Structures are given as structure tokens and as C-alpha cells.
Amino acid sequence: MIWWLKANRLLWLIGTPLVAAILCALLTDFGIAFPSLGSASPFASIRLYAILPLAGALAVAHSLDAGQRPGYISASRRTAGLDYAINLTPIIITCLVSVPMTALGSTIAPELIRNIFGFIGLQMIAAPFFGSRTQSFVPVAYVFIAALFGRDSGAVATFWAWPLGNTDLKYWYLPLFIFVLGSSAQFTLNARKLATDD
């Protein structure tokens, strides 16, 4: 197990979403101007909670890819099911950091949690098709597309552009559905890996 933890870069996996969440808390009101083709204004601000949780998703992809080396596969055949735990790690870290963030007056904790759920879900859906190395392309592309086309004429995010949304409940339905769908895809992938090992 210790060898598995080292092979999957556990410190990187924990530290990346931790730093991302802290930066979001410290820079709550910071936004980045980005082209917006759907709104009346040619540019709209993207808050950090829409971007920085991608770091946790990238850390998951890095961890899973590091664990696919031949030495890892031969030495830890029965740990395929722990891939799901790797996917959950940034979510758990973000939720844990959000508790003191909220206590200290931060208002973006719900958005951070929602977005990390959605990004990890997108990766789990993409993993069987793109592999662990390039699965992060999907959430990154999703944020890019949402920023370009996901606002109405009043510069308000539509329901499908949930990474840009506020705490309104309508922005939670799709990312949670994506996460459930991604979890199902991950369980199926792990079952195939274990069946192949047998």
C-alpha cells in the first residue's frame, strides 16, 4: 500500500487542491476578463472558483497516469478499485478546506465544492475514452466553452454553464448528475480492470 501511495503521488494529489482552495479564499473577488460571445458585452469576468478547481482535476489525472507505469501495474494488481479514491481526494480536500473558509466569512465555498464535483465527474466520464493522461482535457474544454457561450444577454450564466454560476440551486443539478454518471463509469472501468487481472 505504501508503494502504491508513492507511485500515485499522494502529496501532489493532496497539496494541489489544497493550495487551489486557499487561493480562491484569499482572492475571492478576483476575476479574469474573458471573451463572451453570448452576452451583450464582448468580455465577461470569470471568477477563480471557475478555474482553480481544475488544478485538483489535473492532479487526479497526473496521479492516475503515474500509477499506470509497468512496475506499478505488476506490483499492485488488486488496487484498481482505489482509483476511485484518487478521484475523491480533491473533493474531500476541497470540502474540508471549505469549512474554515465559510467560518472566516468566505462566500465562495459552495461554488468551489460544486465545481470540483463537476470537474472530477467529467474526468471520470472521459477516462475510458481518453485515458488517464489526457482526461483533464474535457473539464478544461468545458470551462472554455462555458465562458465563451454560456452567458445570456444579461451576462448571467445559463444552467449548463455551471462552473460560472453562483450559489443558485439550478447550477447544482447538472454537475451532480455528471458526478453520478462519472462514478458509474469509474466503477465499470475498475470492474473491467479487475476482471482482466483475473
Protein backbone atom coordinates (compact mmCIF):
# COMPACT_ATOMS: atom_id res chain seq x y z
CA MET A 1 0.00 0.00 0.00
CA ILE A 2 2.83 2.43 0.85
CA TRP A 3 4.37 1.74 -2.54
CA TRP A 4 1.00 2.44 -4.17
CA LEU A 5 0.71 5.78 -2.35
CA LYS A 6 4.17 6.83 -3.51
CA ALA A 7 3.53 5.67 -7.07
CA ASN A 8 0.35 7.73 -7.25
CA ARG A 9 2.00 10.94 -5.98
CA LEU A 10 -0.19 11.31 -2.90
CA LEU A 11 1.42 14.57 -1.71
CA TRP A 12 0.85 16.17 -5.10
CA LEU A 13 -2.73 14.90 -5.10
CA ILE A 14 -3.47 16.43 -1.69
CA GLY A 15 -1.42 19.61 -1.98
CA THR A 16 -2.74 20.84 -5.33
CA PRO A 17 -6.46 21.14 -4.45
CA LEU A 18 -5.47 22.44 -1.01
CA VAL A 19 -3.47 25.33 -2.48
CA ALA A 20 -6.17 25.99 -5.11
CA ALA A 21 -8.89 26.27 -2.45
CA ILE A 22 -6.78 28.57 -0.27
CA LEU A 23 -6.01 30.84 -3.23
CA CYS A 24 -9.72 31.04 -4.04
CA ALA A 25 -10.44 32.02 -0.44
CA LEU A 26 -7.75 34.70 -0.44
CA LEU A 27 -8.71 36.11 -3.84
CA THR A 28 -12.49 35.88 -3.54
CA ASP A 29 -13.28 38.95 -5.62
CA PHE A 30 -10.59 38.45 -8.24
CA GLY A 31 -11.81 37.81 -11.78
CA ILE A 32 -10.28 37.33 -15.21
CA ALA A 33 -11.72 39.05 -18.28
CA PHE A 34 -12.59 36.50 -20.95
CA PRO A 35 -14.38 36.80 -24.32
CA SER A 36 -18.11 36.13 -24.03
CA LEU A 37 -20.00 35.56 -27.28
CA GLY A 38 -23.40 35.00 -25.71
CA SER A 39 -23.75 38.17 -23.64
CA ALA A 40 -24.25 41.77 -24.69
CA SER A 41 -20.73 42.67 -23.57
CA PRO A 42 -17.78 41.26 -25.57
CA PHE A 43 -15.99 40.36 -22.33
CA ALA A 44 -17.15 38.93 -19.02
CA SER A 45 -15.35 38.21 -15.75
CA ILE A 46 -14.56 34.65 -14.74
CA ARG A 47 -14.10 34.19 -11.02
CA LEU A 48 -11.28 32.00 -9.74
CA TYR A 49 -13.68 29.38 -8.38
CA ALA A 50 -14.48 28.53 -12.01
CA ILE A 51 -10.82 27.94 -12.91
CA LEU A 52 -8.69 26.90 -9.92
CA PRO A 53 -10.63 23.70 -9.09
CA LEU A 54 -9.30 22.45 -12.42
CA ALA A 55 -5.95 22.10 -10.61
CA GLY A 56 -7.47 19.33 -8.50
CA ALA A 57 -8.72 17.58 -11.62
CA LEU A 58 -5.27 17.87 -13.22
CA ALA A 59 -3.71 16.42 -10.06
CA VAL A 60 -6.02 13.40 -10.33
CA ALA A 61 -5.01 12.84 -13.95
CA HIS A 62 -1.32 13.12 -13.02
CA SER A 63 -1.74 10.71 -10.13
CA LEU A 64 -3.61 8.11 -12.18
CA ASP A 65 -1.14 8.38 -15.04
CA ALA A 66 1.83 7.99 -12.66
CA GLY A 67 0.23 4.81 -11.34
CA GLN A 68 0.00 3.24 -14.79
CA ARG A 69 3.71 2.51 -15.10
CA PRO A 70 4.52 -1.17 -15.68
CA GLY A 71 6.13 -1.57 -12.26
CA TYR A 72 3.04 -0.25 -10.53
CA ILE A 73 0.67 -2.44 -12.52
CA SER A 74 2.58 -5.65 -11.80
CA ALA A 75 3.17 -4.85 -8.12
CA SER A 76 -0.35 -3.72 -7.21
CA ARG A 77 -2.80 -5.55 -9.43
CA ARG A 78 -5.56 -5.62 -6.82
CA THR A 79 -5.58 -1.88 -6.16
CA ALA A 80 -7.51 -0.95 -9.31
CA GLY A 81 -10.53 -0.15 -7.15
CA LEU A 82 -8.54 2.54 -5.34
CA ASP A 83 -8.59 4.67 -8.49
CA TYR A 84 -11.97 5.91 -7.35
CA ALA A 85 -10.41 7.01 -4.05
CA ILE A 86 -7.92 9.07 -6.06
CA ASN A 87 -10.82 10.78 -7.82
CA LEU A 88 -12.48 11.54 -4.49
CA THR A 89 -9.39 13.03 -2.85
CA PRO A 90 -9.63 16.58 -4.31
CA ILE A 91 -13.34 16.63 -3.47
CA ILE A 92 -12.66 15.68 0.15
CA ILE A 93 -9.82 18.20 0.46
CA THR A 94 -11.97 20.97 -1.02
CA CYS A 95 -14.85 20.18 1.33
CA LEU A 96 -12.54 20.14 4.36
CA VAL A 97 -10.97 23.47 3.42
CA SER A 98 -14.40 24.98 2.76
CA VAL A 99 -15.45 24.57 6.40
CA PRO A 100 -12.92 27.08 7.85
CA MET A 101 -13.32 29.22 4.72
CA THR A 102 -17.03 29.62 5.46
CA ALA A 103 -16.36 30.20 9.16
CA LEU A 104 -13.97 33.01 8.24
CA GLY A 105 -16.57 34.69 6.07
CA SER A 106 -15.78 33.36 2.59
CA THR A 107 -18.82 33.15 0.32
CA ILE A 108 -17.42 31.00 -2.49
CA ALA A 109 -17.15 27.63 -0.71
CA PRO A 110 -20.37 26.26 -2.30
CA GLU A 111 -19.14 27.15 -5.80
CA LEU A 112 -15.78 25.50 -5.14
CA ILE A 113 -17.43 22.29 -3.96
CA ARG A 114 -19.89 22.24 -6.84
CA ASN A 115 -17.19 22.79 -9.45
CA ILE A 116 -14.78 20.17 -8.14
CA PHE A 117 -17.64 17.63 -8.15
CA GLY A 118 -18.45 18.52 -11.75
CA PHE A 119 -14.85 18.56 -12.98
CA ILE A 120 -13.99 15.21 -11.43
CA GLY A 121 -17.22 13.77 -12.81
CA LEU A 122 -16.32 14.94 -16.32
CA GLN A 123 -12.91 13.31 -15.99
CA MET A 124 -14.34 10.01 -14.84
CA ILE A 125 -16.66 10.01 -17.85
CA ALA A 126 -13.76 10.85 -20.16
CA ALA A 127 -11.27 8.35 -18.69
CA PRO A 128 -12.42 5.25 -20.62
CA PHE A 129 -12.15 7.18 -23.90
CA PHE A 130 -9.12 9.44 -23.42
CA GLY A 131 -7.09 7.58 -20.79
CA SER A 132 -5.69 8.97 -17.56
CA ARG A 133 -3.06 11.17 -19.20
CA THR A 134 -5.42 13.32 -21.28
CA GLN A 135 -8.75 13.03 -19.43
CA SER A 136 -8.31 16.55 -17.99
CA PHE A 137 -8.84 17.94 -21.48
CA VAL A 138 -12.59 17.50 -21.01
CA PRO A 139 -13.19 19.73 -17.92
CA VAL A 140 -10.72 22.32 -19.24
CA ALA A 141 -12.56 22.44 -22.56
CA TYR A 142 -15.91 22.59 -20.76
CA VAL A 143 -14.89 25.70 -18.82
CA PHE A 144 -13.58 27.31 -22.01
CA ILE A 145 -16.82 26.62 -23.90
CA ALA A 146 -18.95 27.74 -20.94
CA ALA A 147 -17.01 31.01 -20.73
CA LEU A 148 -17.46 31.66 -24.46
CA PHE A 149 -21.08 30.65 -24.95
CA GLY A 150 -22.61 30.08 -21.51
CA ARG A 151 -23.98 33.53 -20.68
CA ASP A 152 -27.25 35.12 -21.73
CA SER A 153 -27.65 38.70 -22.94
CA GLY A 154 -27.60 39.89 -19.34
CA ALA A 155 -24.21 38.21 -18.74
CA VAL A 156 -25.85 35.67 -16.41
CA ALA A 157 -24.60 32.08 -16.64
CA THR A 158 -27.06 29.58 -18.10
CA PHE A 159 -27.76 26.36 -16.19
CA TRP A 160 -25.35 24.29 -18.30
CA ALA A 161 -22.53 26.78 -17.68
CA TRP A 162 -22.47 25.79 -14.02
CA PRO A 163 -18.73 26.48 -13.48
CA LEU A 164 -19.53 30.19 -13.86
CA GLY A 165 -22.71 30.17 -11.79
CA ASN A 166 -23.38 31.49 -8.31
CA THR A 167 -24.93 29.59 -5.40
CA ASP A 168 -28.33 29.24 -7.10
CA LEU A 169 -29.61 25.68 -6.88
CA LYS A 170 -30.10 25.44 -10.65
CA TYR A 171 -26.32 25.32 -11.09
CA TRP A 172 -26.04 22.17 -8.95
CA TYR A 173 -28.24 19.71 -10.83
CA LEU A 174 -26.02 19.12 -13.85
CA PRO A 175 -22.62 18.80 -12.08
CA LEU A 176 -24.07 16.36 -9.53
CA PHE A 177 -25.66 14.32 -12.32
CA ILE A 178 -22.31 14.35 -14.15
CA PHE A 179 -20.56 13.14 -10.99
CA VAL A 180 -23.01 10.25 -10.52
CA LEU A 181 -22.63 9.31 -14.18
CA GLY A 182 -18.85 9.54 -13.89
CA SER A 183 -18.84 7.36 -10.77
CA SER A 184 -20.77 4.69 -12.65
CA ALA A 185 -18.24 4.89 -15.49
CA GLN A 186 -15.36 4.58 -12.99
CA PHE A 187 -16.88 1.53 -11.29
CA THR A 188 -17.38 -0.10 -14.68
CA LEU A 189 -13.79 0.65 -15.68
CA ASN A 190 -12.44 -0.72 -12.39
CA ALA A 191 -14.51 -3.88 -12.74
CA ARG A 192 -13.04 -4.44 -16.20
CA LYS A 193 -9.51 -3.95 -14.84
CA LEU A 194 -10.08 -6.49 -12.06
CA ALA A 195 -11.65 -8.94 -14.49
CA THR A 196 -8.62 -8.59 -16.77
CA ASP A 197 -6.28 -9.23 -13.83
CA ASP A 198 -8.10 -12.46 -13.09
